[in-house]
Amino acid sequence: MPRSATVALIVAGAVVVAWIPSFIATAYAEDPASEYLANPAEGWAFLWEAVTASRNPRLGTADAAMQQATQVWAGAPATASDVSLKAIPDEWTVPVPPGGVEPAPAKAAARPADELNWVVSGRVTGGPEQVIGLLDYRTGRVEWDIRPLAGARR
């Protein structure tokens, strides 16, 4: 094999290896997943967070997270129905589906302390499925809660 072809193959391999964690991170990312693809360092940071967080997390399984979610969001106005593990590296604008309940203006964005969180879905006052909370993967703490609802007295 000519020397230039070997060098090109090594460079191409290095580029692929540099982006592998970014592709893994996009599978767990809430919007925008493109941050991981645009910057391979973010993908490596996600991989590091995932490895360090996986050492004895309080909510290490979907079953444990769902059990915690059903205790926290047990009834009106918000009831938990599902959890999914997501990477939320920065401030995240919580999506609201058509017909869903808006969070209070001060709670329109979630700012979790750690990147890995269980996104809790459920119904608010009988409306459509929507995000009602975040649980920290490592500690089990509630990182964001839709309650109190917009317009409700505190």
C-alpha atoms as a PDB file:
ATOM      1  CA  MET A   1       0.000   0.000   0.000  1.00  0.00           C
ATOM      2  CA  PRO A   2       1.437   3.419  -0.907  1.00  0.00           C
ATOM      3  CA  ARG A   3       2.476   5.662   1.964  1.00  0.00           C
ATOM      4  CA  SER A   4      -0.085   8.389   1.094  1.00  0.00           C
ATOM      5  CA  ALA A   5      -2.919   5.833   1.166  1.00  0.00           C
ATOM      6  CA  THR A   6      -1.783   4.610   4.596  1.00  0.00           C
ATOM      7  CA  VAL A   7      -1.685   8.153   5.951  1.00  0.00           C
ATOM      8  CA  ALA A   8      -5.140   8.872   4.503  1.00  0.00           C
ATOM      9  CA  LEU A   9      -6.504   5.683   6.071  1.00  0.00           C
ATOM     10  CA  ILE A  10      -5.035   6.581   9.473  1.00  0.00           C
ATOM     11  CA  VAL A  11      -6.475  10.115   9.310  1.00  0.00           C
ATOM     12  CA  ALA A  12      -9.902   8.810   8.273  1.00  0.00           C
ATOM     13  CA  GLY A  13      -9.821   6.279  11.107  1.00  0.00           C
ATOM     14  CA  ALA A  14      -8.901   8.978  13.627  1.00  0.00           C
ATOM     15  CA  VAL A  15     -11.808  11.143  12.454  1.00  0.00           C
ATOM     16  CA  VAL A  16     -14.260   8.249  12.796  1.00  0.00           C
ATOM     17  CA  VAL A  17     -12.973   7.379  16.271  1.00  0.00           C
ATOM     18  CA  ALA A  18     -13.205  11.035  17.338  1.00  0.00           C
ATOM     19  CA  TRP A  19     -16.934  11.145  16.473  1.00  0.00           C
ATOM     20  CA  ILE A  20     -18.055   7.710  17.775  1.00  0.00           C
ATOM     21  CA  PRO A  21     -19.095   9.078  21.214  1.00  0.00           C
ATOM     22  CA  SER A  22     -21.036  11.862  19.469  1.00  0.00           C
ATOM     23  CA  PHE A  23     -23.151   9.306  17.615  1.00  0.00           C
ATOM     24  CA  ILE A  24     -23.776   7.419  20.869  1.00  0.00           C
ATOM     25  CA  ALA A  25     -24.738  10.666  22.634  1.00  0.00           C
ATOM     26  CA  THR A  26     -27.280  11.599  19.959  1.00  0.00           C
ATOM     27  CA  ALA A  27     -29.216   8.441  20.778  1.00  0.00           C
ATOM     28  CA  TYR A  28     -29.770   9.782  24.306  1.00  0.00           C
ATOM     29  CA  ALA A  29     -29.956  13.494  23.520  1.00  0.00           C
ATOM     30  CA  GLU A  30     -32.912  15.733  23.938  1.00  0.00           C
ATOM     31  CA  ASP A  31     -32.876  18.631  21.517  1.00  0.00           C
ATOM     32  CA  PRO A  32     -30.532  19.708  20.087  1.00  0.00           C
ATOM     33  CA  ALA A  33     -28.681  16.488  19.350  1.00  0.00           C
ATOM     34  CA  SER A  34     -26.650  18.310  16.697  1.00  0.00           C
ATOM     35  CA  GLU A  35     -24.490  19.862  19.467  1.00  0.00           C
ATOM     36  CA  TYR A  36     -22.838  16.490  19.917  1.00  0.00           C
ATOM     37  CA  LEU A  37     -22.229  16.032  16.208  1.00  0.00           C
ATOM     38  CA  ALA A  38     -20.901  19.547  15.703  1.00  0.00           C
ATOM     39  CA  ASN A  39     -18.348  19.178  18.477  1.00  0.00           C
ATOM     40  CA  PRO A  40     -16.793  15.762  19.125  1.00  0.00           C
ATOM     41  CA  ALA A  41     -15.522  17.013  22.502  1.00  0.00           C
ATOM     42  CA  GLU A  42     -19.180  17.186  23.618  1.00  0.00           C
ATOM     43  CA  GLY A  43     -19.588  13.534  22.646  1.00  0.00           C
ATOM     44  CA  TRP A  44     -16.542  12.578  24.698  1.00  0.00           C
ATOM     45  CA  ALA A  45     -17.875  14.665  27.622  1.00  0.00           C
ATOM     46  CA  PHE A  46     -21.159  12.748  27.392  1.00  0.00           C
ATOM     47  CA  LEU A  47     -19.302   9.436  27.378  1.00  0.00           C
ATOM     48  CA  TRP A  48     -17.329  10.499  30.468  1.00  0.00           C
ATOM     49  CA  GLU A  49     -20.517  11.588  32.246  1.00  0.00           C
ATOM     50  CA  ALA A  50     -22.224   8.303  31.365  1.00  0.00           C
ATOM     51  CA  VAL A  51     -19.315   6.212  32.646  1.00  0.00           C
ATOM     52  CA  THR A  52     -18.902   8.152  35.896  1.00  0.00           C
ATOM     53  CA  ALA A  53     -22.649   8.380  36.534  1.00  0.00           C
ATOM     54  CA  SER A  54     -23.084   4.635  36.047  1.00  0.00           C
ATOM     55  CA  ARG A  55     -21.281   3.859  39.306  1.00  0.00           C
ATOM     56  CA  ASN A  56     -24.079   3.062  41.764  1.00  0.00           C
ATOM     57  CA  PRO A  57     -26.708   5.518  40.524  1.00  0.00           C
ATOM     58  CA  ARG A  58     -29.826   5.864  42.658  1.00  0.00           C
ATOM     59  CA  LEU A  59     -32.018   5.514  39.544  1.00  0.00           C
ATOM     60  CA  GLY A  60     -29.909   3.150  37.470  1.00  0.00           C
ATOM     61  CA  THR A  61     -32.819   1.364  35.785  1.00  0.00           C
ATOM     62  CA  ALA A  62     -36.049   2.416  34.127  1.00  0.00           C
ATOM     63  CA  ASP A  63     -37.971   0.422  36.754  1.00  0.00           C
ATOM     64  CA  ALA A  64     -36.334   2.341  39.619  1.00  0.00           C
ATOM     65  CA  ALA A  65     -36.937   5.652  37.844  1.00  0.00           C
ATOM     66  CA  MET A  66     -40.582   4.787  37.161  1.00  0.00           C
ATOM     67  CA  GLN A  67     -41.119   3.800  40.784  1.00  0.00           C
ATOM     68  CA  GLN A  68     -39.698   7.155  41.916  1.00  0.00           C
ATOM     69  CA  ALA A  69     -41.739   9.034  39.294  1.00  0.00           C
ATOM     70  CA  THR A  70     -45.014   7.387  40.323  1.00  0.00           C
ATOM     71  CA  GLN A  71     -44.334   8.394  43.932  1.00  0.00           C
ATOM     72  CA  VAL A  72     -43.481  12.012  43.081  1.00  0.00           C
ATOM     73  CA  TRP A  73     -46.212  12.487  40.461  1.00  0.00           C
ATOM     74  CA  ALA A  74     -48.894  10.283  42.014  1.00  0.00           C
ATOM     75  CA  GLY A  75     -52.016  12.266  41.303  1.00  0.00           C
ATOM     76  CA  ALA A  76     -53.677  15.492  40.289  1.00  0.00           C
ATOM     77  CA  PRO A  77     -52.678  17.704  38.745  1.00  0.00           C
ATOM     78  CA  ALA A  78     -49.847  15.627  37.178  1.00  0.00           C
ATOM     79  CA  THR A  79     -49.622  11.833  36.969  1.00  0.00           C
ATOM     80  CA  ALA A  80     -46.506  10.004  35.733  1.00  0.00           C
ATOM     81  CA  SER A  81     -46.890   7.332  33.066  1.00  0.00           C
ATOM     82  CA  ASP A  82     -43.424   6.816  31.518  1.00  0.00           C
ATOM     83  CA  VAL A  83     -39.718   7.604  31.880  1.00  0.00           C
ATOM     84  CA  SER A  84     -36.874   7.759  29.378  1.00  0.00           C
ATOM     85  CA  LEU A  85     -33.177   8.326  30.003  1.00  0.00           C
ATOM     86  CA  LYS A  86     -31.919  11.393  28.151  1.00  0.00           C
ATOM     87  CA  ALA A  87     -28.823  13.563  27.993  1.00  0.00           C
ATOM     88  CA  ILE A  88     -29.622  17.192  28.711  1.00  0.00           C
ATOM     89  CA  PRO A  89     -26.287  19.029  28.774  1.00  0.00           C
ATOM     90  CA  ASP A  90     -27.533  22.601  29.138  1.00  0.00           C
ATOM     91  CA  GLU A  91     -30.678  24.574  29.671  1.00  0.00           C
ATOM     92  CA  TRP A  92     -33.540  22.774  27.952  1.00  0.00           C
ATOM     93  CA  THR A  93     -36.800  24.366  26.846  1.00  0.00           C
ATOM     94  CA  VAL A  94     -39.409  21.862  27.968  1.00  0.00           C
ATOM     95  CA  PRO A  95     -41.676  20.925  25.037  1.00  0.00           C
ATOM     96  CA  VAL A  96     -45.435  21.310  25.353  1.00  0.00           C
ATOM     97  CA  PRO A  97     -47.652  19.370  22.925  1.00  0.00           C
ATOM     98  CA  PRO A  98     -50.745  20.918  21.341  1.00  0.00           C
ATOM     99  CA  GLY A  99     -53.422  21.005  24.002  1.00  0.00           C
ATOM    100  CA  GLY A 100     -50.843  20.450  26.747  1.00  0.00           C
ATOM    101  CA  VAL A 101     -50.430  22.522  29.881  1.00  0.00           C
ATOM    102  CA  GLU A 102     -47.764  25.219  29.828  1.00  0.00           C
ATOM    103  CA  PRO A 103     -45.415  25.314  32.798  1.00  0.00           C
ATOM    104  CA  ALA A 104     -45.232  28.553  34.780  1.00  0.00           C
ATOM    105  CA  PRO A 105     -43.100  31.081  32.838  1.00  0.00           C
ATOM    106  CA  ALA A 106     -40.213  30.755  35.305  1.00  0.00           C
ATOM    107  CA  LYS A 107     -40.234  26.994  34.682  1.00  0.00           C
ATOM    108  CA  ALA A 108     -40.341  27.023  30.875  1.00  0.00           C
ATOM    109  CA  ALA A 109     -36.703  25.871  30.860  1.00  0.00           C
ATOM    110  CA  ALA A 110     -35.106  23.077  32.870  1.00  0.00           C
ATOM    111  CA  ARG A 111     -31.544  23.445  34.138  1.00  0.00           C
ATOM    112  CA  PRO A 112     -30.499  20.032  35.467  1.00  0.00           C
ATOM    113  CA  ALA A 113     -27.326  19.786  37.550  1.00  0.00           C
ATOM    114  CA  ASP A 114     -26.075  16.670  35.735  1.00  0.00           C
ATOM    115  CA  GLU A 115     -26.346  15.671  32.095  1.00  0.00           C
ATOM    116  CA  LEU A 116     -28.141  12.317  32.499  1.00  0.00           C
ATOM    117  CA  ASN A 117     -31.760  12.597  33.553  1.00  0.00           C
ATOM    118  CA  TRP A 118     -34.910  10.556  33.440  1.00  0.00           C
ATOM    119  CA  VAL A 119     -37.500  12.546  31.503  1.00  0.00           C
ATOM    120  CA  VAL A 120     -40.868  11.836  33.111  1.00  0.00           C
ATOM    121  CA  SER A 121     -43.935  11.890  30.877  1.00  0.00           C
ATOM    122  CA  GLY A 122     -47.496  11.952  32.034  1.00  0.00           C
ATOM    123  CA  ARG A 123     -50.788  13.757  31.870  1.00  0.00           C
ATOM    124  CA  VAL A 124     -51.645  17.066  33.461  1.00  0.00           C
ATOM    125  CA  THR A 125     -55.296  17.472  34.412  1.00  0.00           C
ATOM    126  CA  GLY A 126     -56.296  14.800  31.871  1.00  0.00           C
ATOM    127  CA  GLY A 127     -54.576  16.442  28.897  1.00  0.00           C
ATOM    128  CA  PRO A 128     -52.252  14.822  26.353  1.00  0.00           C
ATOM    129  CA  GLU A 129     -48.989  13.062  27.264  1.00  0.00           C
ATOM    130  CA  GLN A 130     -46.288  15.614  27.981  1.00  0.00           C
ATOM    131  CA  VAL A 131     -43.119  16.139  29.988  1.00  0.00           C
ATOM    132  CA  ILE A 132     -44.036  16.635  33.637  1.00  0.00           C
ATOM    133  CA  GLY A 133     -40.640  16.287  35.307  1.00  0.00           C
ATOM    134  CA  LEU A 134     -36.974  15.363  35.350  1.00  0.00           C
ATOM    135  CA  LEU A 135     -35.269  13.000  37.779  1.00  0.00           C
ATOM    136  CA  ASP A 136     -31.495  13.014  38.184  1.00  0.00           C
ATOM    137  CA  TYR A 137     -30.049   9.649  37.119  1.00  0.00           C
ATOM    138  CA  ARG A 138     -27.298   9.656  39.738  1.00  0.00           C
ATOM    139  CA  THR A 139     -29.052  11.045  42.824  1.00  0.00           C
ATOM    140  CA  GLY A 140     -32.762  10.531  42.171  1.00  0.00           C
ATOM    141  CA  ARG A 141     -33.476  14.210  42.936  1.00  0.00           C
ATOM    142  CA  VAL A 142     -36.312  16.005  41.187  1.00  0.00           C
ATOM    143  CA  GLU A 143     -34.500  18.366  38.820  1.00  0.00           C
ATOM    144  CA  TRP A 144     -37.594  19.926  37.259  1.00  0.00           C
ATOM    145  CA  ASP A 145     -41.307  19.720  38.004  1.00  0.00           C
ATOM    146  CA  ILE A 146     -44.184  21.184  35.992  1.00  0.00           C
ATOM    147  CA  ARG A 147     -45.925  22.005  39.263  1.00  0.00           C
ATOM    148  CA  PRO A 148     -47.062  24.538  40.282  1.00  0.00           C
ATOM    149  CA  LEU A 149     -48.968  25.017  37.048  1.00  0.00           C
ATOM    150  CA  ALA A 150     -49.026  28.295  35.161  1.00  0.00           C
ATOM    151  CA  GLY A 151     -51.575  30.631  36.738  1.00  0.00           C
ATOM    152  CA  ALA A 152     -51.794  28.609  39.964  1.00  0.00           C
ATOM    153  CA  ARG A 153     -51.277  30.329  43.282  1.00  0.00           C
ATOM    154  CA  ARG A 154     -48.117  29.263  45.073  1.00  0.00           C
END
